[in-house]
N, C-alpha and C. Protein backbone atom coordinates (compact mmCIF):
# COMPACT_ATOMS: atom_id res chain seq x y z
N LEU A 1 141.80 0.25 87.21
CA LEU A 1 142.75 -0.44 88.19
C LEU A 1 144.11 -0.72 87.62
N VAL A 2 144.80 -0.92 88.00
CA VAL A 2 146.04 -1.09 86.79
C VAL A 2 146.88 -2.07 88.11
N LEU A 3 147.72 -3.01 87.22
CA LEU A 3 148.25 -3.86 88.36
C LEU A 3 149.77 -3.83 87.73
N VAL A 4 150.73 -3.03 88.55
CA VAL A 4 151.74 -3.47 87.88
C VAL A 4 152.85 -4.26 88.22
N TYR A 5 153.35 -4.85 87.42
CA TYR A 5 153.78 -6.54 87.53
C TYR A 5 155.28 -6.19 87.52
N ALA A 6 156.45 -7.33 86.83
CA ALA A 6 157.16 -7.97 86.84
C ALA A 6 156.95 -9.53 86.47
N PRO A 7 157.73 -10.09 85.38
CA PRO A 7 157.72 -11.39 84.57
C PRO A 7 158.04 -12.06 85.71
N TRP A 8 159.57 -12.07 86.01
CA TRP A 8 160.29 -12.36 87.03
C TRP A 8 159.86 -12.50 88.33
N CYS A 9 159.09 -12.19 89.44
CA CYS A 9 158.95 -11.05 90.64
C CYS A 9 157.39 -12.73 90.61
N GLY A 10 157.66 -13.73 92.24
CA GLY A 10 157.10 -14.50 92.48
C GLY A 10 156.09 -13.85 94.19
N HIS A 11 156.33 -12.64 93.74
CA HIS A 11 155.08 -12.44 94.72
C HIS A 11 154.09 -11.99 93.93
N CYS A 12 154.96 -11.38 92.27
CA CYS A 12 153.73 -11.00 91.43
C CYS A 12 152.67 -12.14 91.10
N ALA A 13 153.57 -13.42 90.98
CA ALA A 13 152.64 -14.67 90.66
C ALA A 13 151.85 -14.63 91.37
N ARG A 14 152.23 -15.18 92.97
CA ARG A 14 151.42 -15.25 93.54
C ARG A 14 150.18 -14.58 94.01
N PHE A 15 150.47 -13.23 93.44
CA PHE A 15 148.76 -12.24 93.49
C PHE A 15 148.35 -12.05 92.59
N ASP A 16 148.99 -13.52 91.92
CA ASP A 16 147.74 -13.27 90.25
C ASP A 16 145.91 -13.86 90.36
N ALA A 17 146.37 -14.88 91.71
CA ALA A 17 144.02 -15.00 91.70
C ALA A 17 143.89 -14.05 92.15
N THR A 18 144.59 -13.78 93.37
CA THR A 18 143.81 -12.49 93.86
C THR A 18 142.71 -11.40 93.57
N TYR A 19 144.33 -11.31 92.01
CA TYR A 19 143.98 -10.19 91.25
C TYR A 19 142.62 -10.76 90.38
N GLU A 20 143.10 -11.86 89.56
CA GLU A 20 141.70 -12.15 88.73
C GLU A 20 140.33 -12.62 89.25
N ALA A 21 140.21 -12.89 90.46
CA ALA A 21 139.19 -12.62 91.59
C ALA A 21 138.48 -11.48 92.00
N VAL A 22 139.56 -10.38 91.62
CA VAL A 22 139.29 -8.86 91.93
C VAL A 22 138.51 -8.14 90.67
N ALA A 23 138.98 -9.02 89.57
CA ALA A 23 138.93 -8.62 88.49
C ALA A 23 137.39 -9.10 88.26
N ALA A 24 137.18 -10.17 88.22
CA ALA A 24 135.61 -11.35 88.39
C ALA A 24 134.50 -10.08 89.65
N GLU A 25 135.01 -9.76 90.08
CA GLU A 25 134.60 -9.28 91.46
C GLU A 25 133.79 -8.22 90.93
N LEU A 26 134.33 -6.85 90.15
CA LEU A 26 134.56 -5.59 89.47
C LEU A 26 133.47 -5.58 87.86
N ALA A 27 133.23 -6.91 87.29
CA ALA A 27 133.57 -7.21 86.16
C ALA A 27 132.01 -6.67 85.36
N ALA A 28 131.18 -6.37 86.59
CA ALA A 28 129.87 -6.03 86.09
C ALA A 28 129.97 -4.70 85.97
N LEU A 29 131.03 -3.49 86.57
CA LEU A 29 130.59 -2.39 86.10
C LEU A 29 131.61 -2.24 85.41
N PRO A 30 130.71 -1.54 84.12
CA PRO A 30 130.78 -1.03 82.56
C PRO A 30 131.62 0.43 83.25
N SER A 31 132.07 1.00 84.12
CA SER A 31 133.33 1.94 84.05
C SER A 31 134.07 1.37 85.19
N VAL A 32 134.61 0.29 85.22
CA VAL A 32 135.62 -0.09 85.93
C VAL A 32 136.30 -1.00 85.01
N VAL A 33 137.13 -0.69 84.12
CA VAL A 33 138.70 -1.59 83.99
C VAL A 33 139.36 -2.25 84.88
N VAL A 34 139.69 -3.34 84.29
CA VAL A 34 140.84 -4.28 85.28
C VAL A 34 141.82 -4.41 84.22
N ALA A 35 142.98 -3.98 83.93
CA ALA A 35 144.38 -4.03 83.55
C ALA A 35 145.85 -4.32 83.95
N ARG A 36 146.13 -4.98 83.57
CA ARG A 36 147.82 -5.45 84.24
C ARG A 36 148.72 -4.95 83.29
N LEU A 37 150.05 -4.29 83.84
CA LEU A 37 150.77 -3.89 82.91
C LEU A 37 152.47 -4.38 83.25
N ASP A 38 152.68 -4.68 82.38
CA ASP A 38 154.39 -5.38 82.75
C ASP A 38 154.83 -4.34 82.87
N GLY A 39 155.82 -3.44 83.90
CA GLY A 39 156.46 -2.54 84.65
C GLY A 39 157.98 -2.75 83.68
N THR A 40 158.59 -3.30 83.25
CA THR A 40 159.29 -4.35 83.31
C THR A 40 160.05 -3.52 81.56
N ALA A 41 158.30 -3.97 80.65
CA ALA A 41 158.69 -3.10 79.74
C ALA A 41 158.52 -2.87 78.69
N ASN A 42 157.73 -1.45 80.24
CA ASN A 42 156.65 -0.02 79.78
C ASN A 42 157.94 0.72 80.14
N GLU A 43 157.32 1.78 79.77
CA GLU A 43 157.90 3.06 80.44
C GLU A 43 156.64 3.87 81.60
N LEU A 44 156.65 4.06 82.58
CA LEU A 44 155.43 4.47 83.22
C LEU A 44 155.84 5.92 83.75
N PRO A 45 155.85 7.16 82.70
CA PRO A 45 156.69 8.15 83.19
C PRO A 45 155.65 8.87 83.96
N GLY A 46 155.74 9.36 84.73
CA GLY A 46 155.36 10.57 85.65
C GLY A 46 154.09 9.12 87.32
N LEU A 47 154.56 8.12 86.75
CA LEU A 47 153.46 7.45 87.48
C LEU A 47 155.39 6.50 88.55
N GLU A 48 155.57 6.65 89.43
CA GLU A 48 156.60 6.12 90.48
C GLU A 48 156.37 4.63 91.50
N VAL A 49 157.05 3.73 90.53
CA VAL A 49 156.55 2.42 90.55
C VAL A 49 157.41 1.51 92.50
N PRO A 50 157.29 2.10 93.15
CA PRO A 50 157.86 1.19 94.80
C PRO A 50 158.49 -0.42 94.49
N GLY A 51 157.67 -0.90 93.16
CA GLY A 51 158.28 -1.93 93.43
C GLY A 51 157.19 -3.40 92.96
N TYR A 52 157.43 -4.12 92.48
CA TYR A 52 156.31 -4.83 92.36
C TYR A 52 155.87 -5.91 93.44
N PRO A 53 154.51 -6.27 93.54
CA PRO A 53 153.07 -5.77 92.18
C PRO A 53 152.88 -4.51 92.72
N THR A 54 152.64 -3.94 92.24
CA THR A 54 152.04 -2.42 92.52
C THR A 54 150.36 -1.99 91.80
N VAL A 55 149.96 -1.66 92.68
CA VAL A 55 148.75 -1.70 92.21
C VAL A 55 148.32 0.10 92.23
N PHE A 56 147.46 0.07 91.03
CA PHE A 56 146.90 1.65 91.21
C PHE A 56 145.75 2.40 90.16
N PHE A 57 144.79 2.85 90.53
CA PHE A 57 143.65 3.13 90.68
C PHE A 57 143.47 4.55 89.94
N PHE A 58 142.65 4.63 89.24
CA PHE A 58 142.89 6.20 88.44
C PHE A 58 141.07 6.66 88.03
N PRO A 59 140.47 7.59 89.00
CA PRO A 59 139.04 7.22 89.07
C PRO A 59 139.34 8.33 87.72
N GLN A 60 137.48 8.00 87.42
CA GLN A 60 137.65 8.88 86.22
C GLN A 60 137.50 10.46 86.44
N ARG A 61 137.41 10.93 87.63
CA ARG A 61 136.86 11.94 88.41
C ARG A 61 138.60 12.90 88.65
N ASP A 62 139.58 12.01 88.53
CA ASP A 62 141.01 12.09 89.11
C ASP A 62 141.61 11.47 87.21
N LYS A 63 141.98 11.97 86.58
CA LYS A 63 143.32 11.17 86.31
C LYS A 63 144.77 10.99 86.84
N GLN A 64 145.08 11.46 88.27
CA GLN A 64 145.77 10.81 89.10
C GLN A 64 145.59 9.79 89.47
N GLY A 65 147.01 8.86 89.08
CA GLY A 65 146.57 7.60 90.08
C GLY A 65 146.92 7.30 91.33
N VAL A 66 145.99 6.61 92.14
CA VAL A 66 146.19 6.50 93.52
C VAL A 66 146.43 4.67 93.82
N GLU A 67 147.58 4.45 94.19
CA GLU A 67 148.18 3.96 95.04
C GLU A 67 147.18 3.01 95.94
N TYR A 68 147.79 1.50 95.73
CA TYR A 68 146.70 0.67 96.79
C TYR A 68 147.52 0.30 98.11
N THR A 69 147.78 0.58 98.82
CA THR A 69 148.72 0.00 99.89
C THR A 69 148.16 -1.08 100.61
N GLY A 70 147.24 -1.69 101.34
CA GLY A 70 146.52 -2.70 101.52
C GLY A 70 146.94 -3.63 101.57
N MET A 71 146.24 -4.45 102.26
CA MET A 71 146.32 -6.09 102.11
C MET A 71 146.47 -6.87 101.09
N ARG A 72 146.68 -7.48 100.35
CA ARG A 72 146.57 -8.13 98.92
C ARG A 72 145.17 -9.41 99.23
N SER A 73 144.23 -8.10 99.89
CA SER A 73 143.28 -9.71 99.45
C SER A 73 142.30 -8.94 98.55
N THR A 74 141.04 -10.24 98.22
CA THR A 74 139.69 -10.03 96.90
C THR A 74 139.49 -8.40 97.57
N ALA A 75 139.19 -9.44 99.15
CA ALA A 75 138.03 -8.01 99.88
C ALA A 75 139.15 -6.67 100.02
N SER A 76 139.99 -5.97 99.95
CA SER A 76 140.29 -5.51 100.99
C SER A 76 140.67 -4.37 99.23
N LEU A 77 140.52 -4.82 97.75
CA LEU A 77 141.04 -4.11 97.36
C LEU A 77 139.65 -3.62 96.74
N VAL A 78 138.47 -4.42 96.08
CA VAL A 78 137.47 -4.15 96.27
C VAL A 78 137.12 -3.62 96.74
N SER A 79 136.88 -3.38 98.38
CA SER A 79 136.52 -2.04 99.34
C SER A 79 137.61 -0.69 98.81
N PHE A 80 138.99 -0.67 98.73
CA PHE A 80 139.38 0.40 98.04
C PHE A 80 138.83 0.54 96.35
N VAL A 81 138.56 -0.21 96.11
CA VAL A 81 138.62 0.46 94.42
C VAL A 81 136.78 1.61 94.54
N THR A 82 136.09 0.03 95.76
CA THR A 82 134.20 0.99 96.14
C THR A 82 134.43 2.08 96.78
N ALA A 83 135.91 2.66 97.49
CA ALA A 83 135.81 3.77 98.56
C ALA A 83 135.70 5.30 97.71
N GLU A 84 137.15 4.66 95.96
CA GLU A 84 137.41 5.15 94.98
C GLU A 84 136.15 5.76 94.47
N MET A 85 135.22 5.37 94.57
CA MET A 85 134.06 5.43 93.21
C MET A 85 133.09 6.36 92.65
N THR A 86 132.19 6.90 92.39
CA THR A 86 131.84 7.17 92.63
C THR A 86 130.34 6.99 93.33
N ASP A 87 128.96 8.27 93.87
CA ASP A 87 127.88 7.38 94.68
C ASP A 87 127.35 6.82 93.77
N ALA A 88 127.27 7.17 92.62
CA ALA A 88 126.50 6.09 91.23
C ALA A 88 127.07 4.89 90.79
N GLU A 89 128.59 4.91 90.76
CA GLU A 89 129.16 4.08 90.57
C GLU A 89 129.20 3.17 91.11
N ARG A 90 129.06 3.15 92.85
CA ARG A 90 129.03 2.46 94.24
C ARG A 90 127.46 1.64 94.16
N THR A 91 126.56 2.50 93.85
CA THR A 91 125.08 1.87 94.14
C THR A 91 124.86 0.78 92.33
N ALA A 92 125.80 1.04 91.57
CA ALA A 92 125.67 0.00 90.25
C ALA A 92 126.30 -1.63 91.18
N HIS A 93 127.56 -0.84 91.86
CA HIS A 93 128.31 -2.13 92.13
C HIS A 93 127.61 -3.22 93.25
N ALA A 94 126.62 -2.52 94.23
CA ALA A 94 125.47 -2.99 95.00
C ALA A 94 124.76 -3.48 94.20
N ARG A 95 123.50 -2.89 93.47
CA ARG A 95 122.77 -3.76 92.47
C ARG A 95 123.73 -5.42 91.98
N SER A 96 124.78 -4.70 91.48
CA SER A 96 125.44 -6.71 90.46
C SER A 96 125.60 -7.13 91.60
N ALA A 97 126.23 -6.71 92.44
CA ALA A 97 126.15 -8.14 93.94
C ALA A 97 125.51 -8.66 94.17
N VAL A 98 124.29 -8.10 94.55
CA VAL A 98 123.24 -8.57 95.00
C VAL A 98 122.36 -9.07 93.69
N GLY A 99 122.09 -8.86 92.43
CA GLY A 99 121.45 -9.66 91.88
C GLY A 99 122.36 -10.63 91.05
N ALA A 100 123.45 -10.88 91.04
CA ALA A 100 123.99 -11.86 90.17
C ALA A 100 125.16 -12.93 91.22
N GLY A 101 126.17 -11.80 92.01
CA GLY A 101 126.32 -12.34 92.82
C GLY A 101 128.16 -11.76 92.36
N ALA A 102 129.69 -12.54 93.04
CA ALA A 102 130.28 -12.23 92.61
C ALA A 102 130.73 -13.49 92.13
N TRP A 103 130.82 -14.40 92.62
CA TRP A 103 131.15 -15.74 91.98
C TRP A 103 131.47 -15.96 90.92
N GLN A 104 129.51 -15.33 90.42
CA GLN A 104 129.29 -15.87 88.57
C GLN A 104 129.60 -14.98 87.58
N ARG A 105 129.82 -14.49 87.76
CA ARG A 105 130.57 -12.88 87.03
C ARG A 105 132.00 -13.10 86.61
N PRO A 106 132.03 -13.20 84.93
CA PRO A 106 133.11 -13.94 84.88
C PRO A 106 134.39 -12.18 84.56
N ALA A 107 135.49 -12.99 84.44
CA ALA A 107 136.36 -11.69 84.45
C ALA A 107 136.37 -11.22 82.58
N ARG A 108 136.70 -9.76 82.68
CA ARG A 108 136.21 -9.50 81.26
C ARG A 108 137.81 -9.63 81.00
N GLY A 109 137.86 -10.85 79.85
CA GLY A 109 139.08 -10.65 79.68
C GLY A 109 140.30 -10.59 80.13
N TYR A 110 140.38 -10.61 81.53
CA TYR A 110 141.67 -10.33 82.34
C TYR A 110 142.64 -11.72 81.91
N GLY A 111 144.03 -11.26 82.29
CA GLY A 111 145.22 -11.96 81.71
C GLY A 111 145.10 -12.32 80.14
N LYS A 112 144.19 -11.69 79.01
CA LYS A 112 144.18 -12.46 78.14
C LYS A 112 145.07 -10.87 77.55
N GLN A 113 144.14 -10.02 77.89
CA GLN A 113 145.11 -8.09 77.35
C GLN A 113 146.16 -7.85 78.24
N GLU A 114 146.80 -7.67 77.47
CA GLU A 114 148.62 -6.62 78.57
C GLU A 114 148.51 -5.24 77.83
N LEU A 115 148.08 -4.46 78.65
CA LEU A 115 148.63 -2.80 78.00
C LEU A 115 150.38 -2.76 77.72
């Protein structure tokens, strides 16, 4: 999951807390990496970014990015990602949510490293 943002973008700043919550929710899934990319400082060949913030999911089975166009809420984004995952990944996600509770899992370094 990749958030393409611009440092000067107010919408991106407001979306940041939601994206951190998504990272925390998905942290228990080793097959899902949550990252963010400064779209103003990086070339994105083959990736069309209509505006900031834009979120793309890159499934393991298909390296073409799928643009997320839904609501900017934690629940909507997590639902989008889980819908794009394989059955095995969804099962692992369901087990981790039942076992630990999403609010207890830390985000894996979100915001500390950027692509």
